[in-house]
């Protein structure tokens, strides 16, 4: 199962610690467990990328399989230009990929969004 981990609000130290552990494992000659993830500073930044229309696009593309952007726009009953803009943004965040035939697809079986809520001093 291929999972994209999306983290919101994770501090840099936690990301560096994860990288450090992977580096240690590799230097020890052991197999490093693959990790695919992207991070966002805040929920506001996350919401700019993952709009409701883009979630709809991801779900439609996952259920239909690889499509051209034109076919995806027709499937969603949306304007080509808007779908192209959304696909481009999601490709930049590794949510969508393009195959050799020029069709876009979702390579993940799951997208795991993690937003740890921080305790604040009272």
PDB file of N, CA and C in Angstrom:
ATOM      1  N   UNK A   1       0.849  -1.173   0.000  1.00  0.00           N
ATOM      2  CA  UNK A   1       0.000   0.000   0.000  1.00  0.00           C
ATOM      3  C   UNK A   1       0.898   1.242   0.000  1.00  0.00           C
ATOM      4  N   UNK A   2       0.619   2.166  -0.902  1.00  0.00           N
ATOM      5  CA  UNK A   2       1.389   3.402  -0.969  1.00  0.00           C
ATOM      6  C   UNK A   2       0.592   4.522  -0.321  1.00  0.00           C
ATOM      7  N   UNK A   3       1.231   5.152   0.666  1.00  0.00           N
ATOM      8  CA  UNK A   3       0.550   6.172   1.446  1.00  0.00           C
ATOM      9  C   UNK A   3       1.333   7.478   1.361  1.00  0.00           C
ATOM     10  N   UNK A   4       0.631   8.562   1.071  1.00  0.00           N
ATOM     11  CA  UNK A   4       1.208   9.895   1.134  1.00  0.00           C
ATOM     12  C   UNK A   4       0.827  10.476   2.482  1.00  0.00           C
ATOM     13  N   UNK A   5       1.832  10.823   3.279  1.00  0.00           N
ATOM     14  CA  UNK A   5       1.600  11.431   4.583  1.00  0.00           C
ATOM     15  C   UNK A   5       1.633  12.945   4.407  1.00  0.00           C
ATOM     16  N   UNK A   6       0.547  13.606   4.776  1.00  0.00           N
ATOM     17  CA  UNK A   6       0.465  15.064   4.725  1.00  0.00           C
ATOM     18  C   UNK A   6       0.435  15.548   6.166  1.00  0.00           C
ATOM     19  N   UNK A   7       1.437  16.338   6.528  1.00  0.00           N
ATOM     20  CA  UNK A   7       1.521  16.832   7.898  1.00  0.00           C
ATOM     21  C   UNK A   7       1.287  18.341   7.925  1.00  0.00           C
ATOM     22  N   UNK A   8       0.462  18.752   8.858  1.00  0.00           N
ATOM     23  CA  UNK A   8       0.163  20.170   9.030  1.00  0.00           C
ATOM     24  C   UNK A   8       0.715  20.611  10.377  1.00  0.00           C
ATOM     25  N   UNK A   9       1.537  21.648  10.361  1.00  0.00           N
ATOM     26  CA  UNK A   9       2.026  22.226  11.607  1.00  0.00           C
ATOM     27  C   UNK A   9       3.139  21.466  12.293  1.00  0.00           C
ATOM     28  N   UNK A  10       3.773  20.543  11.595  1.00  0.00           N
ATOM     29  CA  UNK A  10       4.881  19.813  12.213  1.00  0.00           C
ATOM     30  C   UNK A  10       6.090  20.730  12.284  1.00  0.00           C
ATOM     31  N   UNK A  11       6.773  20.723  13.413  1.00  0.00           N
ATOM     32  CA  UNK A  11       7.930  21.589  13.532  1.00  0.00           C
ATOM     33  C   UNK A  11       9.128  20.997  12.779  1.00  0.00           C
ATOM     34  N   UNK A  12      10.068  21.834  12.470  1.00  0.00           N
ATOM     35  CA  UNK A  12      11.237  21.444  11.683  1.00  0.00           C
ATOM     36  C   UNK A  12      12.054  20.382  12.416  1.00  0.00           C
ATOM     37  N   UNK A  13      12.117  20.470  13.725  1.00  0.00           N
ATOM     38  CA  UNK A  13      12.900  19.500  14.501  1.00  0.00           C
ATOM     39  C   UNK A  13      12.388  18.077  14.299  1.00  0.00           C
ATOM     40  N   UNK A  14      11.077  17.903  14.245  1.00  0.00           N
ATOM     41  CA  UNK A  14      10.497  16.571  14.041  1.00  0.00           C
ATOM     42  C   UNK A  14      10.843  16.038  12.656  1.00  0.00           C
ATOM     43  N   UNK A  15      10.804  16.902  11.645  1.00  0.00           N
ATOM     44  CA  UNK A  15      11.172  16.484  10.288  1.00  0.00           C
ATOM     45  C   UNK A  15      12.642  16.092  10.226  1.00  0.00           C
ATOM     46  N   UNK A  16      13.488  16.900  10.847  1.00  0.00           N
ATOM     47  CA  UNK A  16      14.918  16.603  10.857  1.00  0.00           C
ATOM     48  C   UNK A  16      15.219  15.319  11.628  1.00  0.00           C
ATOM     49  N   UNK A  17      14.498  15.073  12.698  1.00  0.00           N
ATOM     50  CA  UNK A  17      14.686  13.839  13.469  1.00  0.00           C
ATOM     51  C   UNK A  17      14.327  12.622  12.627  1.00  0.00           C
ATOM     52  N   UNK A  18      13.237  12.710  11.862  1.00  0.00           N
ATOM     53  CA  UNK A  18      12.838  11.612  10.981  1.00  0.00           C
ATOM     54  C   UNK A  18      13.921  11.361   9.932  1.00  0.00           C
ATOM     55  N   UNK A  19      14.446  12.438   9.352  1.00  0.00           N
ATOM     56  CA  UNK A  19      15.515  12.305   8.374  1.00  0.00           C
ATOM     57  C   UNK A  19      16.764  11.703   9.021  1.00  0.00           C
ATOM     58  N   UNK A  20      17.101  12.162  10.225  1.00  0.00           N
ATOM     59  CA  UNK A  20      18.277  11.651  10.935  1.00  0.00           C
ATOM     60  C   UNK A  20      18.188  10.152  11.192  1.00  0.00           C
ATOM     61  N   UNK A  21      17.013   9.688  11.581  1.00  0.00           N
ATOM     62  CA  UNK A  21      16.818   8.252  11.816  1.00  0.00           C
ATOM     63  C   UNK A  21      16.993   7.459  10.519  1.00  0.00           C
ATOM     64  N   UNK A  22      16.459   7.974   9.428  1.00  0.00           N
ATOM     65  CA  UNK A  22      16.610   7.298   8.134  1.00  0.00           C
ATOM     66  C   UNK A  22      18.072   7.251   7.724  1.00  0.00           C
ATOM     67  N   UNK A  23      18.788   8.340   7.945  1.00  0.00           N
ATOM     68  CA  UNK A  23      20.217   8.395   7.606  1.00  0.00           C
ATOM     69  C   UNK A  23      21.012   7.399   8.441  1.00  0.00           C
ATOM     70  N   UNK A  24      20.705   7.335   9.724  1.00  0.00           N
ATOM     71  CA  UNK A  24      21.372   6.375  10.614  1.00  0.00           C
ATOM     72  C   UNK A  24      21.139   4.941  10.141  1.00  0.00           C
ATOM     73  N   UNK A  25      19.907   4.649   9.793  1.00  0.00           N
ATOM     74  CA  UNK A  25      19.548   3.313   9.320  1.00  0.00           C
ATOM     75  C   UNK A  25      20.316   2.972   8.043  1.00  0.00           C
ATOM     76  N   UNK A  26      20.373   3.905   7.120  1.00  0.00           N
ATOM     77  CA  UNK A  26      21.086   3.671   5.853  1.00  0.00           C
ATOM     78  C   UNK A  26      22.580   3.481   6.086  1.00  0.00           C
ATOM     79  N   UNK A  27      23.162   4.298   6.947  1.00  0.00           N
ATOM     80  CA  UNK A  27      24.604   4.177   7.239  1.00  0.00           C
ATOM     81  C   UNK A  27      24.931   2.863   7.921  1.00  0.00           C
ATOM     82  N   UNK A  28      23.965   2.303   8.633  1.00  0.00           N
ATOM     83  CA  UNK A  28      24.171   1.012   9.294  1.00  0.00           C
ATOM     84  C   UNK A  28      23.995  -0.147   8.321  1.00  0.00           C
ATOM     85  N   UNK A  29      23.656   0.177   7.070  1.00  0.00           N
ATOM     86  CA  UNK A  29      23.500  -0.865   6.057  1.00  0.00           C
ATOM     87  C   UNK A  29      22.155  -1.558   6.092  1.00  0.00           C
ATOM     88  N   UNK A  30      21.221  -1.011   6.842  1.00  0.00           N
ATOM     89  CA  UNK A  30      19.893  -1.601   6.903  1.00  0.00           C
ATOM     90  C   UNK A  30      18.989  -0.924   5.884  1.00  0.00           C
ATOM     91  N   UNK A  31      17.907  -1.593   5.546  1.00  0.00           N
ATOM     92  CA  UNK A  31      16.956  -1.067   4.576  1.00  0.00           C
ATOM     93  C   UNK A  31      16.138   0.057   5.218  1.00  0.00           C
ATOM     94  N   UNK A  32      16.070   1.167   4.521  1.00  0.00           N
ATOM     95  CA  UNK A  32      15.298   2.311   5.005  1.00  0.00           C
ATOM     96  C   UNK A  32      13.869   2.169   4.490  1.00  0.00           C
ATOM     97  N   UNK A  33      12.921   2.255   5.404  1.00  0.00           N
ATOM     98  CA  UNK A  33      11.518   2.170   5.020  1.00  0.00           C
ATOM     99  C   UNK A  33      11.164   3.419   4.201  1.00  0.00           C
ATOM    100  N   UNK A  34      10.600   3.221   3.017  1.00  0.00           N
ATOM    101  CA  UNK A  34      10.238   4.386   2.191  1.00  0.00           C
ATOM    102  C   UNK A  34       9.245   5.295   2.909  1.00  0.00           C
ATOM    103  N   UNK A  35       9.421   6.580   2.703  1.00  0.00           N
ATOM    104  CA  UNK A  35       8.534   7.569   3.309  1.00  0.00           C
ATOM    105  C   UNK A  35       8.177   8.592   2.248  1.00  0.00           C
ATOM    106  N   UNK A  36       6.903   8.804   2.037  1.00  0.00           N
ATOM    107  CA  UNK A  36       6.443   9.830   1.106  1.00  0.00           C
ATOM    108  C   UNK A  36       5.599  10.798   1.903  1.00  0.00           C
ATOM    109  N   UNK A  37       6.053  12.028   1.967  1.00  0.00           N
ATOM    110  CA  UNK A  37       5.306  12.989   2.748  1.00  0.00           C
ATOM    111  C   UNK A  37       5.543  14.419   2.313  1.00  0.00           C
ATOM    112  N   UNK A  38       4.569  15.247   2.611  1.00  0.00           N
ATOM    113  CA  UNK A  38       4.668  16.685   2.393  1.00  0.00           C
ATOM    114  C   UNK A  38       4.191  17.376   3.657  1.00  0.00           C
ATOM    115  N   UNK A  39       4.670  18.587   3.860  1.00  0.00           N
ATOM    116  CA  UNK A  39       4.301  19.305   5.063  1.00  0.00           C
ATOM    117  C   UNK A  39       3.835  20.716   4.785  1.00  0.00           C
ATOM    118  N   UNK A  40       2.976  21.201   5.657  1.00  0.00           N
ATOM    119  CA  UNK A  40       2.435  22.547   5.578  1.00  0.00           C
ATOM    120  C   UNK A  40       2.649  23.236   6.915  1.00  0.00           C
ATOM    121  N   UNK A  41       2.998  24.502   6.877  1.00  0.00           N
ATOM    122  CA  UNK A  41       3.216  25.265   8.105  1.00  0.00           C
ATOM    123  C   UNK A  41       1.950  25.401   8.928  1.00  0.00           C
ATOM    124  N   UNK A  42       0.822  25.574   8.245  1.00  0.00           N
ATOM    125  CA  UNK A  42      -0.424  25.855   8.957  1.00  0.00           C
ATOM    126  C   UNK A  42      -1.605  25.245   8.206  1.00  0.00           C
ATOM    127  N   UNK A  43      -2.743  25.208   8.880  1.00  0.00           N
ATOM    128  CA  UNK A  43      -3.955  24.722   8.244  1.00  0.00           C
ATOM    129  C   UNK A  43      -4.379  25.676   7.134  1.00  0.00           C
ATOM    130  N   UNK A  44      -4.077  26.955   7.290  1.00  0.00           N
ATOM    131  CA  UNK A  44      -4.403  27.927   6.236  1.00  0.00           C
ATOM    132  C   UNK A  44      -3.644  27.595   4.952  1.00  0.00           C
ATOM    133  N   UNK A  45      -2.354  27.285   5.069  1.00  0.00           N
ATOM    134  CA  UNK A  45      -1.568  26.929   3.887  1.00  0.00           C
ATOM    135  C   UNK A  45      -2.085  25.619   3.284  1.00  0.00           C
ATOM    136  N   UNK A  46      -2.381  24.643   4.123  1.00  0.00           N
ATOM    137  CA  UNK A  46      -2.939  23.377   3.663  1.00  0.00           C
ATOM    138  C   UNK A  46      -4.227  23.612   2.879  1.00  0.00           C
ATOM    139  N   UNK A  47      -5.095  24.475   3.408  1.00  0.00           N
ATOM    140  CA  UNK A  47      -6.388  24.734   2.783  1.00  0.00           C
ATOM    141  C   UNK A  47      -6.263  25.464   1.443  1.00  0.00           C
ATOM    142  N   UNK A  48      -5.181  26.200   1.251  1.00  0.00           N
ATOM    143  CA  UNK A  48      -4.949  26.848  -0.039  1.00  0.00           C
ATOM    144  C   UNK A  48      -4.643  25.816  -1.122  1.00  0.00           C
ATOM    145  N   UNK A  49      -3.972  24.748  -0.743  1.00  0.00           N
ATOM    146  CA  UNK A  49      -3.610  23.695  -1.705  1.00  0.00           C
ATOM    147  C   UNK A  49      -4.742  22.695  -1.852  1.00  0.00           C
ATOM    148  N   UNK A  50      -5.277  22.214  -0.760  1.00  0.00           N
ATOM    149  CA  UNK A  50      -6.313  21.183  -0.784  1.00  0.00           C
ATOM    150  C   UNK A  50      -7.699  21.812  -0.639  1.00  0.00           C
ATOM    151  N   UNK A  51      -8.148  22.435  -1.706  1.00  0.00           N
ATOM    152  CA  UNK A  51      -9.484  23.025  -1.726  1.00  0.00           C
ATOM    153  C   UNK A  51     -10.514  21.906  -1.894  1.00  0.00           C
ATOM    154  N   UNK A  52     -11.778  22.171  -1.608  1.00  0.00           N
ATOM    155  CA  UNK A  52     -12.806  21.143  -1.832  1.00  0.00           C
ATOM    156  C   UNK A  52     -12.839  20.640  -3.280  1.00  0.00           C
ATOM    157  N   UNK A  53     -12.681  21.534  -4.248  1.00  0.00           N
ATOM    158  CA  UNK A  53     -12.684  21.117  -5.660  1.00  0.00           C
ATOM    159  C   UNK A  53     -11.497  20.207  -5.967  1.00  0.00           C
ATOM    160  N   UNK A  54     -10.373  20.455  -5.349  1.00  0.00           N
ATOM    161  CA  UNK A  54      -9.190  19.602  -5.582  1.00  0.00           C
ATOM    162  C   UNK A  54      -9.352  18.236  -4.929  1.00  0.00           C
ATOM    163  N   UNK A  55      -9.990  18.180  -3.755  1.00  0.00           N
ATOM    164  CA  UNK A  55     -10.280  16.877  -3.149  1.00  0.00           C
ATOM    165  C   UNK A  55     -11.224  16.093  -4.056  1.00  0.00           C
ATOM    166  N   UNK A  56     -12.215  16.781  -4.604  1.00  0.00           N
ATOM    167  CA  UNK A  56     -13.151  16.141  -5.530  1.00  0.00           C
ATOM    168  C   UNK A  56     -12.399  15.599  -6.747  1.00  0.00           C
ATOM    169  N   UNK A  57     -11.464  16.382  -7.253  1.00  0.00           N
ATOM    170  CA  UNK A  57     -10.656  15.970  -8.398  1.00  0.00           C
ATOM    171  C   UNK A  57      -9.839  14.715  -8.069  1.00  0.00           C
ATOM    172  N   UNK A  58      -9.201  14.708  -6.902  1.00  0.00           N
ATOM    173  CA  UNK A  58      -8.390  13.549  -6.491  1.00  0.00           C
ATOM    174  C   UNK A  58      -9.266  12.302  -6.398  1.00  0.00           C
ATOM    175  N   UNK A  59     -10.414  12.413  -5.774  1.00  0.00           N
ATOM    176  CA  UNK A  59     -11.315  11.262  -5.637  1.00  0.00           C
ATOM    177  C   UNK A  59     -11.796  10.763  -6.995  1.00  0.00           C
ATOM    178  N   UNK A  60     -12.155  11.688  -7.888  1.00  0.00           N
ATOM    179  CA  UNK A  60     -12.625  11.294  -9.221  1.00  0.00           C
ATOM    180  C   UNK A  60     -11.520  10.623 -10.012  1.00  0.00           C
ATOM    181  N   UNK A  61     -10.331  11.166  -9.921  1.00  0.00           N
ATOM    182  CA  UNK A  61      -9.207  10.608 -10.666  1.00  0.00           C
ATOM    183  C   UNK A  61      -8.807   9.237 -10.122  1.00  0.00           C
ATOM    184  N   UNK A  62      -8.866   9.073  -8.824  1.00  0.00           N
ATOM    185  CA  UNK A  62      -8.524   7.772  -8.226  1.00  0.00           C
ATOM    186  C   UNK A  62      -9.539   6.712  -8.647  1.00  0.00           C
ATOM    187  N   UNK A  63     -10.808   7.076  -8.694  1.00  0.00           N
ATOM    188  CA  UNK A  63     -11.832   6.088  -9.039  1.00  0.00           C
ATOM    189  C   UNK A  63     -11.863   5.785 -10.536  1.00  0.00           C
ATOM    190  N   UNK A  64     -11.495   6.754 -11.360  1.00  0.00           N
ATOM    191  CA  UNK A  64     -11.560   6.545 -12.813  1.00  0.00           C
ATOM    192  C   UNK A  64     -10.282   5.972 -13.403  1.00  0.00           C
ATOM    193  N   UNK A  65      -9.154   6.183 -12.740  1.00  0.00           N
ATOM    194  CA  UNK A  65      -7.879   5.781 -13.304  1.00  0.00           C
ATOM    195  C   UNK A  65      -7.299   6.906 -14.142  1.00  0.00           C
ATOM    196  N   UNK A  66      -6.130   6.672 -14.772  1.00  0.00           N
ATOM    197  CA  UNK A  66      -5.452   7.730 -15.524  1.00  0.00           C
ATOM    198  C   UNK A  66      -6.321   8.331 -16.628  1.00  0.00           C
ATOM    199  N   UNK A  67      -6.312   9.662 -16.688  1.00  0.00           N
ATOM    200  CA  UNK A  67      -7.076  10.399 -17.689  1.00  0.00           C
ATOM    201  C   UNK A  67      -6.247  11.563 -18.220  1.00  0.00           C
ATOM    202  N   UNK A  68      -6.579  12.019 -19.407  1.00  0.00           N
ATOM    203  CA  UNK A  68      -6.022  13.290 -19.860  1.00  0.00           C
ATOM    204  C   UNK A  68      -6.701  14.391 -19.045  1.00  0.00           C
ATOM    205  N   UNK A  69      -6.078  15.538 -19.005  1.00  0.00           N
ATOM    206  CA  UNK A  69      -6.691  16.645 -18.270  1.00  0.00           C
ATOM    207  C   UNK A  69      -8.017  17.023 -18.920  1.00  0.00           C
ATOM    208  N   UNK A  70      -8.064  16.962 -20.227  1.00  0.00           N
ATOM    209  CA  UNK A  70      -9.314  17.274 -20.941  1.00  0.00           C
ATOM    210  C   UNK A  70     -10.428  16.303 -20.526  1.00  0.00           C
ATOM    211  N   UNK A  71     -10.114  15.001 -20.518  1.00  0.00           N
ATOM    212  CA  UNK A  71     -11.118  13.999 -20.127  1.00  0.00           C
ATOM    213  C   UNK A  71     -11.523  14.166 -18.666  1.00  0.00           C
ATOM    214  N   UNK A  72     -10.559  14.524 -17.820  1.00  0.00           N
ATOM    215  CA  UNK A  72     -10.862  14.755 -16.411  1.00  0.00           C
ATOM    216  C   UNK A  72     -11.792  15.958 -16.254  1.00  0.00           C
ATOM    217  N   UNK A  73     -11.541  17.019 -17.003  1.00  0.00           N
ATOM    218  CA  UNK A  73     -12.399  18.205 -16.952  1.00  0.00           C
ATOM    219  C   UNK A  73     -13.819  17.849 -17.385  1.00  0.00           C
ATOM    220  N   UNK A  74     -13.942  17.063 -18.450  1.00  0.00           N
ATOM    221  CA  UNK A  74     -15.279  16.642 -18.900  1.00  0.00           C
ATOM    222  C   UNK A  74     -15.962  15.785 -17.832  1.00  0.00           C
ATOM    223  N   UNK A  75     -15.197  14.864 -17.245  1.00  0.00           N
ATOM    224  CA  UNK A  75     -15.727  13.978 -16.203  1.00  0.00           C
ATOM    225  C   UNK A  75     -16.248  14.781 -15.016  1.00  0.00           C
ATOM    226  N   UNK A  76     -15.534  15.844 -14.661  1.00  0.00           N
ATOM    227  CA  UNK A  76     -15.921  16.675 -13.520  1.00  0.00           C
ATOM    228  C   UNK A  76     -16.906  17.778 -13.890  1.00  0.00           C
ATOM    229  N   UNK A  77     -17.164  17.919 -15.188  1.00  0.00           N
ATOM    230  CA  UNK A  77     -18.019  18.997 -15.688  1.00  0.00           C
ATOM    231  C   UNK A  77     -17.490  20.358 -15.233  1.00  0.00           C
ATOM    232  N   UNK A  78     -16.177  20.528 -15.432  1.00  0.00           N
ATOM    233  CA  UNK A  78     -15.504  21.775 -15.073  1.00  0.00           C
ATOM    234  C   UNK A  78     -14.747  22.298 -16.280  1.00  0.00           C
ATOM    235  N   UNK A  79     -14.391  23.559 -16.249  1.00  0.00           N
ATOM    236  CA  UNK A  79     -13.643  24.182 -17.335  1.00  0.00           C
ATOM    237  C   UNK A  79     -12.218  23.625 -17.357  1.00  0.00           C
ATOM    238  N   UNK A  80     -11.711  23.355 -18.555  1.00  0.00           N
ATOM    239  CA  UNK A  80     -10.370  22.782 -18.727  1.00  0.00           C
ATOM    240  C   UNK A  80      -9.305  23.600 -18.000  1.00  0.00           C
ATOM    241  N   UNK A  81      -9.348  24.910 -18.151  1.00  0.00           N
ATOM    242  CA  UNK A  81      -8.317  25.778 -17.562  1.00  0.00           C
ATOM    243  C   UNK A  81      -8.261  25.615 -16.045  1.00  0.00           C
ATOM    244  N   UNK A  82      -9.418  25.535 -15.398  1.00  0.00           N
ATOM    245  CA  UNK A  82      -9.446  25.387 -13.938  1.00  0.00           C
ATOM    246  C   UNK A  82      -8.923  24.019 -13.501  1.00  0.00           C
ATOM    247  N   UNK A  83      -9.293  22.984 -14.238  1.00  0.00           N
ATOM    248  CA  UNK A  83      -8.803  21.642 -13.918  1.00  0.00           C
ATOM    249  C   UNK A  83      -7.293  21.569 -14.144  1.00  0.00           C
ATOM    250  N   UNK A  84      -6.817  22.166 -15.219  1.00  0.00           N
ATOM    251  CA  UNK A  84      -5.375  22.182 -15.494  1.00  0.00           C
ATOM    252  C   UNK A  84      -4.618  22.873 -14.356  1.00  0.00           C
ATOM    253  N   UNK A  85      -5.150  23.996 -13.889  1.00  0.00           N
ATOM    254  CA  UNK A  85      -4.533  24.726 -12.771  1.00  0.00           C
ATOM    255  C   UNK A  85      -4.498  23.855 -11.514  1.00  0.00           C
ATOM    256  N   UNK A  86      -5.594  23.162 -11.226  1.00  0.00           N
ATOM    257  CA  UNK A  86      -5.659  22.296 -10.045  1.00  0.00           C
ATOM    258  C   UNK A  86      -4.704  21.110 -10.172  1.00  0.00           C
ATOM    259  N   UNK A  87      -4.660  20.496 -11.344  1.00  0.00           N
ATOM    260  CA  UNK A  87      -3.748  19.362 -11.562  1.00  0.00           C
ATOM    261  C   UNK A  87      -2.302  19.812 -11.386  1.00  0.00           C
ATOM    262  N   UNK A  88      -1.960  20.962 -11.939  1.00  0.00           N
ATOM    263  CA  UNK A  88      -0.598  21.479 -11.818  1.00  0.00           C
ATOM    264  C   UNK A  88      -0.217  21.695 -10.361  1.00  0.00           C
ATOM    265  N   UNK A  89      -1.112  22.284  -9.590  1.00  0.00           N
ATOM    266  CA  UNK A  89      -0.849  22.518  -8.166  1.00  0.00           C
ATOM    267  C   UNK A  89      -0.677  21.195  -7.420  1.00  0.00           C
ATOM    268  N   UNK A  90      -1.542  20.234  -7.685  1.00  0.00           N
ATOM    269  CA  UNK A  90      -1.460  18.950  -6.985  1.00  0.00           C
ATOM    270  C   UNK A  90      -0.229  18.150  -7.402  1.00  0.00           C
ATOM    271  N   UNK A  91       0.220  18.325  -8.637  1.00  0.00           N
ATOM    272  CA  UNK A  91       1.459  17.674  -9.066  1.00  0.00           C
ATOM    273  C   UNK A  91       2.662  18.272  -8.329  1.00  0.00           C
ATOM    274  N   UNK A  92       2.645  19.569  -8.086  1.00  0.00           N
ATOM    275  CA  UNK A  92       3.737  20.215  -7.350  1.00  0.00           C
ATOM    276  C   UNK A  92       3.833  19.683  -5.930  1.00  0.00           C
ATOM    277  N   UNK A  93       2.721  19.244  -5.372  1.00  0.00           N
ATOM    278  CA  UNK A  93       2.700  18.704  -4.014  1.00  0.00           C
ATOM    279  C   UNK A  93       2.718  17.169  -4.016  1.00  0.00           C
ATOM    280  N   UNK A  94       3.049  16.558  -5.137  1.00  0.00           N
ATOM    281  CA  UNK A  94       3.210  15.104  -5.324  1.00  0.00           C
ATOM    282  C   UNK A  94       1.941  14.283  -5.090  1.00  0.00           C
ATOM    283  N   UNK A  95       0.788  14.916  -5.173  1.00  0.00           N
ATOM    284  CA  UNK A  95      -0.469  14.198  -4.975  1.00  0.00           C
ATOM    285  C   UNK A  95      -0.865  13.485  -6.263  1.00  0.00           C
ATOM    286  N   UNK A  96      -0.555  14.096  -7.389  1.00  0.00           N
ATOM    287  CA  UNK A  96      -0.882  13.559  -8.711  1.00  0.00           C
ATOM    288  C   UNK A  96       0.402  13.446  -9.518  1.00  0.00           C
ATOM    289  N   UNK A  97       0.462  12.443 -10.376  1.00  0.00           N
ATOM    290  CA  UNK A  97       1.594  12.274 -11.288  1.00  0.00           C
ATOM    291  C   UNK A  97       1.073  12.137 -12.708  1.00  0.00           C
ATOM    292  N   UNK A  98       1.987  12.257 -13.669  1.00  0.00           N
ATOM    293  CA  UNK A  98       1.633  12.105 -15.078  1.00  0.00           C
ATOM    294  C   UNK A  98       2.423  10.923 -15.623  1.00  0.00           C
ATOM    295  N   UNK A  99       1.746  10.029 -16.359  1.00  0.00           N
ATOM    296  CA  UNK A  99       2.434   8.862 -16.924  1.00  0.00           C
ATOM    297  C   UNK A  99       3.031   9.202 -18.294  1.00  0.00           C
ATOM    298  N   UNK A 100       3.705   8.220 -18.909  1.00  0.00           N
ATOM    299  CA  UNK A 100       4.364   8.440 -20.203  1.00  0.00           C
ATOM    300  C   UNK A 100       3.382   8.784 -21.317  1.00  0.00           C
ATOM    301  N   UNK A 101       2.136   8.385 -21.168  1.00  0.00           N
ATOM    302  CA  UNK A 101       1.117   8.670 -22.177  1.00  0.00           C
ATOM    303  C   UNK A 101       0.502  10.061 -21.980  1.00  0.00           C
ATOM    304  N   UNK A 102       0.964  10.797 -20.951  1.00  0.00           N
ATOM    305  CA  UNK A 102       0.452  12.131 -20.709  1.00  0.00           C
ATOM    306  C   UNK A 102      -0.829  12.172 -19.902  1.00  0.00           C
ATOM    307  N   UNK A 103      -1.194  11.039 -19.332  1.00  0.00           N
ATOM    308  CA  UNK A 103      -2.410  10.980 -18.509  1.00  0.00           C
ATOM    309  C   UNK A 103      -2.028  11.183 -17.043  1.00  0.00           C
ATOM    310  N   UNK A 104      -2.894  11.864 -16.318  1.00  0.00           N
ATOM    311  CA  UNK A 104      -2.640  12.105 -14.899  1.00  0.00           C
ATOM    312  C   UNK A 104      -3.332  11.035 -14.065  1.00  0.00           C
ATOM    313  N   UNK A 105      -2.733  10.754 -12.911  1.00  0.00           N
ATOM    314  CA  UNK A 105      -3.284   9.721 -12.030  1.00  0.00           C
ATOM    315  C   UNK A 105      -2.835   9.985 -10.601  1.00  0.00           C
ATOM    316  N   UNK A 106      -3.525   9.351  -9.671  1.00  0.00           N
ATOM    317  CA  UNK A 106      -3.181   9.418  -8.254  1.00  0.00           C
ATOM    318  C   UNK A 106      -2.411   8.140  -7.929  1.00  0.00           C
ATOM    319  N   UNK A 107      -1.123   8.248  -7.591  1.00  0.00           N
ATOM    320  CA  UNK A 107      -0.326   7.046  -7.345  1.00  0.00           C
ATOM    321  C   UNK A 107      -0.509   6.448  -5.952  1.00  0.00           C
ATOM    322  N   UNK A 108      -1.286   7.103  -5.117  1.00  0.00           N
ATOM    323  CA  UNK A 108      -1.427   6.687  -3.723  1.00  0.00           C
ATOM    324  C   UNK A 108      -2.696   5.876  -3.504  1.00  0.00           C
ATOM    325  N   UNK A 109      -2.591   4.892  -2.629  1.00  0.00           N
ATOM    326  CA  UNK A 109      -3.791   4.161  -2.230  1.00  0.00           C
ATOM    327  C   UNK A 109      -4.481   4.876  -1.068  1.00  0.00           C
ATOM    328  N   UNK A 110      -3.721   5.757  -0.410  1.00  0.00           N
ATOM    329  CA  UNK A 110      -4.258   6.484   0.735  1.00  0.00           C
ATOM    330  C   UNK A 110      -3.511   7.800   0.888  1.00  0.00           C
ATOM    331  N   UNK A 111      -4.223   8.835   1.302  1.00  0.00           N
ATOM    332  CA  UNK A 111      -3.612  10.100   1.679  1.00  0.00           C
ATOM    333  C   UNK A 111      -3.962  10.306   3.145  1.00  0.00           C
ATOM    334  N   UNK A 112      -2.944  10.305   3.984  1.00  0.00           N
ATOM    335  CA  UNK A 112      -3.112  10.388   5.433  1.00  0.00           C
ATOM    336  C   UNK A 112      -2.767  11.812   5.875  1.00  0.00           C
ATOM    337  N   UNK A 113      -3.786  12.588   6.233  1.00  0.00           N
ATOM    338  CA  UNK A 113      -3.581  13.965   6.672  1.00  0.00           C
ATOM    339  C   UNK A 113      -3.480  13.967   8.188  1.00  0.00           C
ATOM    340  N   UNK A 114      -2.367  14.508   8.689  1.00  0.00           N
ATOM    341  CA  UNK A 114      -2.131  14.552  10.132  1.00  0.00           C
ATOM    342  C   UNK A 114      -1.998  16.006  10.573  1.00  0.00           C
ATOM    343  N   UNK A 115      -2.801  16.367  11.546  1.00  0.00           N
ATOM    344  CA  UNK A 115      -2.782  17.719  12.079  1.00  0.00           C
ATOM    345  C   UNK A 115      -2.785  17.628  13.599  1.00  0.00           C
ATOM    346  N   UNK A 116      -1.613  17.514  14.196  1.00  0.00           N
ATOM    347  CA  UNK A 116      -1.574  17.396  15.653  1.00  0.00           C
ATOM    348  C   UNK A 116      -1.990  18.713  16.298  1.00  0.00           C
ATOM    349  N   UNK A 117      -2.884  18.609  17.238  1.00  0.00           N
ATOM    350  CA  UNK A 117      -3.336  19.800  17.964  1.00  0.00           C
ATOM    351  C   UNK A 117      -2.416  20.012  19.157  1.00  0.00           C
ATOM    352  N   UNK A 118      -1.843  21.185  19.227  1.00  0.00           N
ATOM    353  CA  UNK A 118      -0.882  21.487  20.269  1.00  0.00           C
ATOM    354  C   UNK A 118      -1.584  21.931  21.537  1.00  0.00           C
ATOM    355  N   UNK A 119      -1.025  21.498  22.660  1.00  0.00           N
ATOM    356  CA  UNK A 119      -1.539  21.969  23.948  1.00  0.00           C
ATOM    357  C   UNK A 119      -0.984  23.367  24.182  1.00  0.00           C
ATOM    358  N   UNK A 120      -1.846  24.244  24.593  1.00  0.00           N
ATOM    359  CA  UNK A 120      -1.439  25.616  24.893  1.00  0.00           C
ATOM    360  C   UNK A 120      -1.507  25.814  26.424  1.00  0.00           C
ATOM    361  N   UNK A 121      -0.587  26.604  26.909  1.00  0.00           N
ATOM    362  CA  UNK A 121      -0.593  26.907  28.343  1.00  0.00           C
ATOM    363  C   UNK A 121      -1.846  27.724  28.668  1.00  0.00           C
ATOM    364  N   UNK A 122      -2.448  27.416  29.794  1.00  0.00           N
ATOM    365  CA  UNK A 122      -3.688  28.128  30.176  1.00  0.00           C
ATOM    366  C   UNK A 122      -3.378  29.466  30.812  1.00  0.00           C
TER     367      UNK A 122
END
